[in-house]
Amino acid sequence: MRIFQPERALIAREIHEERRRELNAMLSQLPQRRADRLPAPPPLSLEAQFQRTIVNMRDNVQRAKDVQSTHILRWLRS
């Protein structure tokens, strides 16, 4: 009986690794399956796309101004 113990341990380890790979494969597919079940967002009209782009550009410009004024204020304080 002791002769076959290393072989059984090897087989058990291989089975464990195989099951672990299968579980990882299943878990990696879950997010995609959930995303597939979600309804697709309605397409935006061209006008809505322009509005969104303009808002994003304004936000970016405001952020850049804030950063620049922060640097200027630090320079003036020093």
PDB file of N, CA and C in Angstrom:
ATOM      1  N   MET A   1       0.811  -1.182   0.000  1.00  0.00           N
ATOM      2  CA  MET A   1       0.000   0.000   0.000  1.00  0.00           C
ATOM      3  C   MET A   1       0.864   1.259   0.000  1.00  0.00           C
ATOM      4  N   ARG A   2       1.968   1.226   0.690  1.00  0.00           N
ATOM      5  CA  ARG A   2       2.833   2.393   0.765  1.00  0.00           C
ATOM      6  C   ARG A   2       3.509   2.684  -0.577  1.00  0.00           C
ATOM      7  N   ILE A   3       3.627   1.712  -1.409  1.00  0.00           N
ATOM      8  CA  ILE A   3       4.280   1.890  -2.699  1.00  0.00           C
ATOM      9  C   ILE A   3       3.470   2.852  -3.576  1.00  0.00           C
ATOM     10  N   PHE A   4       2.146   2.801  -3.483  1.00  0.00           N
ATOM     11  CA  PHE A   4       1.294   3.597  -4.358  1.00  0.00           C
ATOM     12  C   PHE A   4       0.966   4.977  -3.796  1.00  0.00           C
ATOM     13  N   GLN A   5       1.393   5.296  -2.589  1.00  0.00           N
ATOM     14  CA  GLN A   5       1.065   6.585  -1.996  1.00  0.00           C
ATOM     15  C   GLN A   5       1.573   7.783  -2.794  1.00  0.00           C
ATOM     16  N   PRO A   6       2.820   7.785  -3.253  1.00  0.00           N
ATOM     17  CA  PRO A   6       3.275   8.938  -4.049  1.00  0.00           C
ATOM     18  C   PRO A   6       2.483   9.102  -5.343  1.00  0.00           C
ATOM     19  N   GLU A   7       2.125   7.984  -5.974  1.00  0.00           N
ATOM     20  CA  GLU A   7       1.348   8.058  -7.207  1.00  0.00           C
ATOM     21  C   GLU A   7      -0.038   8.617  -6.933  1.00  0.00           C
ATOM     22  N   ARG A   8      -0.660   8.209  -5.832  1.00  0.00           N
ATOM     23  CA  ARG A   8      -1.981   8.735  -5.475  1.00  0.00           C
ATOM     24  C   ARG A   8      -1.904  10.227  -5.181  1.00  0.00           C
ATOM     25  N   ALA A   9      -0.853  10.623  -4.504  1.00  0.00           N
ATOM     26  CA  ALA A   9      -0.684  12.042  -4.195  1.00  0.00           C
ATOM     27  C   ALA A   9      -0.507  12.843  -5.481  1.00  0.00           C
ATOM     28  N   LEU A  10       0.248  12.304  -6.434  1.00  0.00           N
ATOM     29  CA  LEU A  10       0.451  12.973  -7.708  1.00  0.00           C
ATOM     30  C   LEU A  10      -0.868  13.096  -8.471  1.00  0.00           C
ATOM     31  N   ILE A  11      -1.631  12.015  -8.504  1.00  0.00           N
ATOM     32  CA  ILE A  11      -2.934  12.026  -9.187  1.00  0.00           C
ATOM     33  C   ILE A  11      -3.868  13.023  -8.523  1.00  0.00           C
ATOM     34  N   ALA A  12      -3.900  13.022  -7.196  1.00  0.00           N
ATOM     35  CA  ALA A  12      -4.760  13.957  -6.469  1.00  0.00           C
ATOM     36  C   ALA A  12      -4.355  15.398  -6.757  1.00  0.00           C
ATOM     37  N   ARG A  13      -3.072  15.673  -6.803  1.00  0.00           N
ATOM     38  CA  ARG A  13      -2.585  17.016  -7.096  1.00  0.00           C
ATOM     39  C   ARG A  13      -2.971  17.436  -8.507  1.00  0.00           C
ATOM     40  N   GLU A  14      -2.827  16.521  -9.474  1.00  0.00           N
ATOM     41  CA  GLU A  14      -3.191  16.831 -10.855  1.00  0.00           C
ATOM     42  C   GLU A  14      -4.686  17.104 -10.981  1.00  0.00           C
ATOM     43  N   ILE A  15      -5.495  16.296 -10.293  1.00  0.00           N
ATOM     44  CA  ILE A  15      -6.947  16.511 -10.317  1.00  0.00           C
ATOM     45  C   ILE A  15      -7.282  17.856  -9.677  1.00  0.00           C
ATOM     46  N   HIS A  16      -6.618  18.181  -8.573  1.00  0.00           N
ATOM     47  CA  HIS A  16      -6.850  19.449  -7.896  1.00  0.00           C
ATOM     48  C   HIS A  16      -6.502  20.625  -8.811  1.00  0.00           C
ATOM     49  N   GLU A  17      -5.372  20.539  -9.491  1.00  0.00           N
ATOM     50  CA  GLU A  17      -4.946  21.606 -10.405  1.00  0.00           C
ATOM     51  C   GLU A  17      -5.920  21.747 -11.574  1.00  0.00           C
ATOM     52  N   GLU A  18      -6.375  20.604 -12.094  1.00  0.00           N
ATOM     53  CA  GLU A  18      -7.318  20.628 -13.215  1.00  0.00           C
ATOM     54  C   GLU A  18      -8.631  21.289 -12.793  1.00  0.00           C
ATOM     55  N   ARG A  19      -9.144  20.917 -11.631  1.00  0.00           N
ATOM     56  CA  ARG A  19     -10.376  21.530 -11.131  1.00  0.00           C
ATOM     57  C   ARG A  19     -10.183  23.019 -10.873  1.00  0.00           C
ATOM     58  N   ARG A  20      -9.005  23.385 -10.388  1.00  0.00           N
ATOM     59  CA  ARG A  20      -8.709  24.797 -10.136  1.00  0.00           C
ATOM     60  C   ARG A  20      -8.688  25.586 -11.449  1.00  0.00           C
ATOM     61  N   ARG A  21      -8.094  25.015 -12.495  1.00  0.00           N
ATOM     62  CA  ARG A  21      -8.089  25.684 -13.800  1.00  0.00           C
ATOM     63  C   ARG A  21      -9.502  25.829 -14.346  1.00  0.00           C
ATOM     64  N   GLU A  22     -10.316  24.781 -14.194  1.00  0.00           N
ATOM     65  CA  GLU A  22     -11.701  24.850 -14.663  1.00  0.00           C
ATOM     66  C   GLU A  22     -12.470  25.925 -13.910  1.00  0.00           C
ATOM     67  N   LEU A  23     -12.270  25.996 -12.602  1.00  0.00           N
ATOM     68  CA  LEU A  23     -12.956  27.006 -11.794  1.00  0.00           C
ATOM     69  C   LEU A  23     -12.514  28.405 -12.201  1.00  0.00           C
ATOM     70  N   ASN A  24     -11.221  28.601 -12.426  1.00  0.00           N
ATOM     71  CA  ASN A  24     -10.732  29.909 -12.875  1.00  0.00           C
ATOM     72  C   ASN A  24     -11.332  30.287 -14.219  1.00  0.00           C
ATOM     73  N   ALA A  25     -11.447  29.324 -15.118  1.00  0.00           N
ATOM     74  CA  ALA A  25     -12.043  29.597 -16.429  1.00  0.00           C
ATOM     75  C   ALA A  25     -13.506  29.998 -16.276  1.00  0.00           C
ATOM     76  N   MET A  26     -14.239  29.296 -15.415  1.00  0.00           N
ATOM     77  CA  MET A  26     -15.646  29.631 -15.198  1.00  0.00           C
ATOM     78  C   MET A  26     -15.787  31.014 -14.567  1.00  0.00           C
ATOM     79  N   LEU A  27     -14.938  31.311 -13.587  1.00  0.00           N
ATOM     80  CA  LEU A  27     -15.015  32.605 -12.918  1.00  0.00           C
ATOM     81  C   LEU A  27     -14.639  33.754 -13.845  1.00  0.00           C
ATOM     82  N   SER A  28     -13.728  33.511 -14.760  1.00  0.00           N
ATOM     83  CA  SER A  28     -13.345  34.570 -15.692  1.00  0.00           C
ATOM     84  C   SER A  28     -14.445  34.846 -16.714  1.00  0.00           C
ATOM     85  N   GLN A  29     -15.333  33.892 -16.931  1.00  0.00           N
ATOM     86  CA  GLN A  29     -16.426  34.084 -17.886  1.00  0.00           C
ATOM     87  C   GLN A  29     -17.632  34.784 -17.264  1.00  0.00           C
ATOM     88  N   LEU A  30     -17.733  34.816 -15.943  1.00  0.00           N
ATOM     89  CA  LEU A  30     -18.893  35.415 -15.283  1.00  0.00           C
ATOM     90  C   LEU A  30     -19.123  36.880 -15.642  1.00  0.00           C
ATOM     91  N   PRO A  31     -18.110  37.738 -15.568  1.00  0.00           N
ATOM     92  CA  PRO A  31     -18.381  39.144 -15.903  1.00  0.00           C
ATOM     93  C   PRO A  31     -18.899  39.330 -17.324  1.00  0.00           C
ATOM     94  N   GLN A  32     -18.362  38.573 -18.269  1.00  0.00           N
ATOM     95  CA  GLN A  32     -18.820  38.700 -19.649  1.00  0.00           C
ATOM     96  C   GLN A  32     -20.260  38.230 -19.785  1.00  0.00           C
ATOM     97  N   ARG A  33     -20.603  37.154 -19.113  1.00  0.00           N
ATOM     98  CA  ARG A  33     -21.989  36.666 -19.178  1.00  0.00           C
ATOM     99  C   ARG A  33     -22.950  37.666 -18.560  1.00  0.00           C
ATOM    100  N   ARG A  34     -22.560  38.273 -17.441  1.00  0.00           N
ATOM    101  CA  ARG A  34     -23.418  39.291 -16.816  1.00  0.00           C
ATOM    102  C   ARG A  34     -23.566  40.493 -17.731  1.00  0.00           C
ATOM    103  N   ALA A  35     -22.483  40.900 -18.371  1.00  0.00           N
ATOM    104  CA  ALA A  35     -22.544  42.044 -19.284  1.00  0.00           C
ATOM    105  C   ALA A  35     -23.430  41.725 -20.485  1.00  0.00           C
ATOM    106  N   ASP A  36     -23.405  40.495 -20.942  1.00  0.00           N
ATOM    107  CA  ASP A  36     -24.241  40.105 -22.076  1.00  0.00           C
ATOM    108  C   ASP A  36     -25.723  40.176 -21.732  1.00  0.00           C
ATOM    109  N   ARG A  37     -26.060  39.949 -20.466  1.00  0.00           N
ATOM    110  CA  ARG A  37     -27.465  39.969 -20.056  1.00  0.00           C
ATOM    111  C   ARG A  37     -28.007  41.383 -19.891  1.00  0.00           C
ATOM    112  N   LEU A  38     -27.117  42.364 -19.700  1.00  0.00           N
ATOM    113  CA  LEU A  38     -27.568  43.739 -19.517  1.00  0.00           C
ATOM    114  C   LEU A  38     -28.098  44.296 -20.837  1.00  0.00           C
ATOM    115  N   PRO A  39     -29.135  45.125 -20.757  1.00  0.00           N
ATOM    116  CA  PRO A  39     -29.625  45.723 -22.002  1.00  0.00           C
ATOM    117  C   PRO A  39     -28.616  46.751 -22.520  1.00  0.00           C
ATOM    118  N   ALA A  40     -28.536  46.854 -23.824  1.00  0.00           N
ATOM    119  CA  ALA A  40     -27.602  47.797 -24.440  1.00  0.00           C
ATOM    120  C   ALA A  40     -28.113  49.214 -24.215  1.00  0.00           C
ATOM    121  N   PRO A  41     -27.220  50.137 -23.916  1.00  0.00           N
ATOM    122  CA  PRO A  41     -27.675  51.515 -23.727  1.00  0.00           C
ATOM    123  C   PRO A  41     -28.171  52.079 -25.055  1.00  0.00           C
ATOM    124  N   PRO A  42     -29.169  52.936 -24.992  1.00  0.00           N
ATOM    125  CA  PRO A  42     -29.687  53.485 -26.244  1.00  0.00           C
ATOM    126  C   PRO A  42     -28.629  54.373 -26.901  1.00  0.00           C
ATOM    127  N   PRO A  43     -28.556  54.325 -28.213  1.00  0.00           N
ATOM    128  CA  PRO A  43     -27.549  55.144 -28.887  1.00  0.00           C
ATOM    129  C   PRO A  43     -27.857  56.626 -28.701  1.00  0.00           C
ATOM    130  N   LEU A  44     -26.812  57.420 -28.515  1.00  0.00           N
ATOM    131  CA  LEU A  44     -26.985  58.849 -28.329  1.00  0.00           C
ATOM    132  C   LEU A  44     -27.153  59.541 -29.673  1.00  0.00           C
ATOM    133  N   SER A  45     -28.002  60.549 -29.686  1.00  0.00           N
ATOM    134  CA  SER A  45     -28.142  61.325 -30.903  1.00  0.00           C
ATOM    135  C   SER A  45     -26.868  62.138 -31.113  1.00  0.00           C
ATOM    136  N   LEU A  46     -26.697  62.632 -32.300  1.00  0.00           N
ATOM    137  CA  LEU A  46     -25.510  63.416 -32.614  1.00  0.00           C
ATOM    138  C   LEU A  46     -25.451  64.666 -31.738  1.00  0.00           C
ATOM    139  N   GLU A  47     -26.607  65.272 -31.521  1.00  0.00           N
ATOM    140  CA  GLU A  47     -26.666  66.467 -30.674  1.00  0.00           C
ATOM    141  C   GLU A  47     -26.235  66.144 -29.243  1.00  0.00           C
ATOM    142  N   ALA A  48     -26.706  65.031 -28.716  1.00  0.00           N
ATOM    143  CA  ALA A  48     -26.328  64.627 -27.358  1.00  0.00           C
ATOM    144  C   ALA A  48     -24.832  64.333 -27.277  1.00  0.00           C
ATOM    145  N   GLN A  49     -24.274  63.731 -28.326  1.00  0.00           N
ATOM    146  CA  GLN A  49     -22.839  63.475 -28.340  1.00  0.00           C
ATOM    147  C   GLN A  49     -22.046  64.781 -28.316  1.00  0.00           C
ATOM    148  N   PHE A  50     -22.500  65.781 -29.102  1.00  0.00           N
ATOM    149  CA  PHE A  50     -21.836  67.075 -29.100  1.00  0.00           C
ATOM    150  C   PHE A  50     -21.931  67.732 -27.727  1.00  0.00           C
ATOM    151  N   GLN A  51     -23.112  67.659 -27.126  1.00  0.00           N
ATOM    152  CA  GLN A  51     -23.290  68.266 -25.800  1.00  0.00           C
ATOM    153  C   GLN A  51     -22.359  67.618 -24.783  1.00  0.00           C
ATOM    154  N   ARG A  52     -22.270  66.308 -24.822  1.00  0.00           N
ATOM    155  CA  ARG A  52     -21.391  65.595 -23.894  1.00  0.00           C
ATOM    156  C   ARG A  52     -19.932  65.981 -24.125  1.00  0.00           C
ATOM    157  N   THR A  53     -19.537  66.087 -25.396  1.00  0.00           N
ATOM    158  CA  THR A  53     -18.168  66.480 -25.718  1.00  0.00           C
ATOM    159  C   THR A  53     -17.876  67.884 -25.214  1.00  0.00           C
ATOM    160  N   ILE A  54     -18.814  68.802 -25.398  1.00  0.00           N
ATOM    161  CA  ILE A  54     -18.624  70.182 -24.935  1.00  0.00           C
ATOM    162  C   ILE A  54     -18.503  70.229 -23.423  1.00  0.00           C
ATOM    163  N   VAL A  55     -19.349  69.502 -22.724  1.00  0.00           N
ATOM    164  CA  VAL A  55     -19.288  69.477 -21.255  1.00  0.00           C
ATOM    165  C   VAL A  55     -17.950  68.910 -20.797  1.00  0.00           C
ATOM    166  N   ASN A  56     -17.495  67.843 -21.423  1.00  0.00           N
ATOM    167  CA  ASN A  56     -16.199  67.252 -21.071  1.00  0.00           C
ATOM    168  C   ASN A  56     -15.058  68.230 -21.327  1.00  0.00           C
ATOM    169  N   MET A  57     -15.126  68.934 -22.455  1.00  0.00           N
ATOM    170  CA  MET A  57     -14.076  69.911 -22.764  1.00  0.00           C
ATOM    171  C   MET A  57     -14.075  71.037 -21.731  1.00  0.00           C
ATOM    172  N   ARG A  58     -15.252  71.529 -21.359  1.00  0.00           N
ATOM    173  CA  ARG A  58     -15.338  72.580 -20.341  1.00  0.00           C
ATOM    174  C   ARG A  58     -14.759  72.105 -19.013  1.00  0.00           C
ATOM    175  N   ASP A  59     -15.086  70.883 -18.640  1.00  0.00           N
ATOM    176  CA  ASP A  59     -14.546  70.331 -17.390  1.00  0.00           C
ATOM    177  C   ASP A  59     -13.024  70.245 -17.450  1.00  0.00           C
ATOM    178  N   ASN A  60     -12.496  69.789 -18.573  1.00  0.00           N
ATOM    179  CA  ASN A  60     -11.041  69.676 -18.731  1.00  0.00           C
ATOM    180  C   ASN A  60     -10.368  71.041 -18.658  1.00  0.00           C
ATOM    181  N   VAL A  61     -10.969  72.039 -19.319  1.00  0.00           N
ATOM    182  CA  VAL A  61     -10.399  73.384 -19.292  1.00  0.00           C
ATOM    183  C   VAL A  61     -10.442  73.940 -17.869  1.00  0.00           C
ATOM    184  N   GLN A  62     -11.558  73.742 -17.178  1.00  0.00           N
ATOM    185  CA  GLN A  62     -11.678  74.238 -15.806  1.00  0.00           C
ATOM    186  C   GLN A  62     -10.651  73.566 -14.896  1.00  0.00           C
ATOM    187  N   ARG A  63     -10.463  72.266 -15.068  1.00  0.00           N
ATOM    188  CA  ARG A  63      -9.465  71.559 -14.278  1.00  0.00           C
ATOM    189  C   ARG A  63      -8.065  72.115 -14.532  1.00  0.00           C
ATOM    190  N   ALA A  64      -7.751  72.366 -15.802  1.00  0.00           N
ATOM    191  CA  ALA A  64      -6.440  72.910 -16.155  1.00  0.00           C
ATOM    192  C   ALA A  64      -6.262  74.303 -15.547  1.00  0.00           C
ATOM    193  N   LYS A  65      -7.316  75.109 -15.577  1.00  0.00           N
ATOM    194  CA  LYS A  65      -7.246  76.444 -14.968  1.00  0.00           C
ATOM    195  C   LYS A  65      -7.008  76.338 -13.468  1.00  0.00           C
ATOM    196  N   ASP A  66      -7.713  75.426 -12.823  1.00  0.00           N
ATOM    197  CA  ASP A  66      -7.553  75.254 -11.375  1.00  0.00           C
ATOM    198  C   ASP A  66      -6.122  74.856 -11.023  1.00  0.00           C
ATOM    199  N   VAL A  67      -5.567  73.937 -11.787  1.00  0.00           N
ATOM    200  CA  VAL A  67      -4.192  73.491 -11.534  1.00  0.00           C
ATOM    201  C   VAL A  67      -3.231  74.646 -11.741  1.00  0.00           C
ATOM    202  N   GLN A  68      -3.440  75.398 -12.823  1.00  0.00           N
ATOM    203  CA  GLN A  68      -2.556  76.514 -13.131  1.00  0.00           C
ATOM    204  C   GLN A  68      -2.641  77.587 -12.043  1.00  0.00           C
ATOM    205  N   SER A  69      -3.858  77.913 -11.614  1.00  0.00           N
ATOM    206  CA  SER A  69      -3.993  78.946 -10.583  1.00  0.00           C
ATOM    207  C   SER A  69      -3.417  78.461  -9.246  1.00  0.00           C
ATOM    208  N   THR A  70      -3.496  77.177  -8.974  1.00  0.00           N
ATOM    209  CA  THR A  70      -2.892  76.643  -7.754  1.00  0.00           C
ATOM    210  C   THR A  70      -1.381  76.832  -7.791  1.00  0.00           C
ATOM    211  N   HIS A  71      -0.767  76.573  -8.949  1.00  0.00           N
ATOM    212  CA  HIS A  71       0.674  76.756  -9.086  1.00  0.00           C
ATOM    213  C   HIS A  71       1.045  78.235  -8.932  1.00  0.00           C
ATOM    214  N   ILE A  72       0.244  79.114  -9.521  1.00  0.00           N
ATOM    215  CA  ILE A  72       0.518  80.544  -9.436  1.00  0.00           C
ATOM    216  C   ILE A  72       0.401  81.021  -7.987  1.00  0.00           C
ATOM    217  N   LEU A  73      -0.644  80.580  -7.293  1.00  0.00           N
ATOM    218  CA  LEU A  73      -0.819  80.973  -5.891  1.00  0.00           C
ATOM    219  C   LEU A  73       0.341  80.478  -5.028  1.00  0.00           C
ATOM    220  N   ARG A  74       0.798  79.283  -5.263  1.00  0.00           N
ATOM    221  CA  ARG A  74       1.946  78.759  -4.510  1.00  0.00           C
ATOM    222  C   ARG A  74       3.198  79.597  -4.780  1.00  0.00           C
ATOM    223  N   TRP A  75       3.373  79.970  -6.060  1.00  0.00           N
ATOM    224  CA  TRP A  75       4.527  80.784  -6.423  1.00  0.00           C
ATOM    225  C   TRP A  75       4.462  82.155  -5.749  1.00  0.00           C
ATOM    226  N   LEU A  76       3.251  82.755  -5.726  1.00  0.00           N
ATOM    227  CA  LEU A  76       3.108  84.066  -5.094  1.00  0.00           C
ATOM    228  C   LEU A  76       3.333  84.004  -3.599  1.00  0.00           C
ATOM    229  N   ARG A  77       2.930  82.914  -2.971  1.00  0.00           N
ATOM    230  CA  ARG A  77       3.099  82.776  -1.514  1.00  0.00           C
ATOM    231  C   ARG A  77       4.557  82.576  -1.123  1.00  0.00           C
ATOM    232  N   SER A  78       5.334  81.991  -2.014  1.00  0.00           N
ATOM    233  CA  SER A  78       6.730  81.704  -1.659  1.00  0.00           C
ATOM    234  C   SER A  78       7.639  82.892  -1.835  1.00  0.00           C
TER     235      SER A  78
END
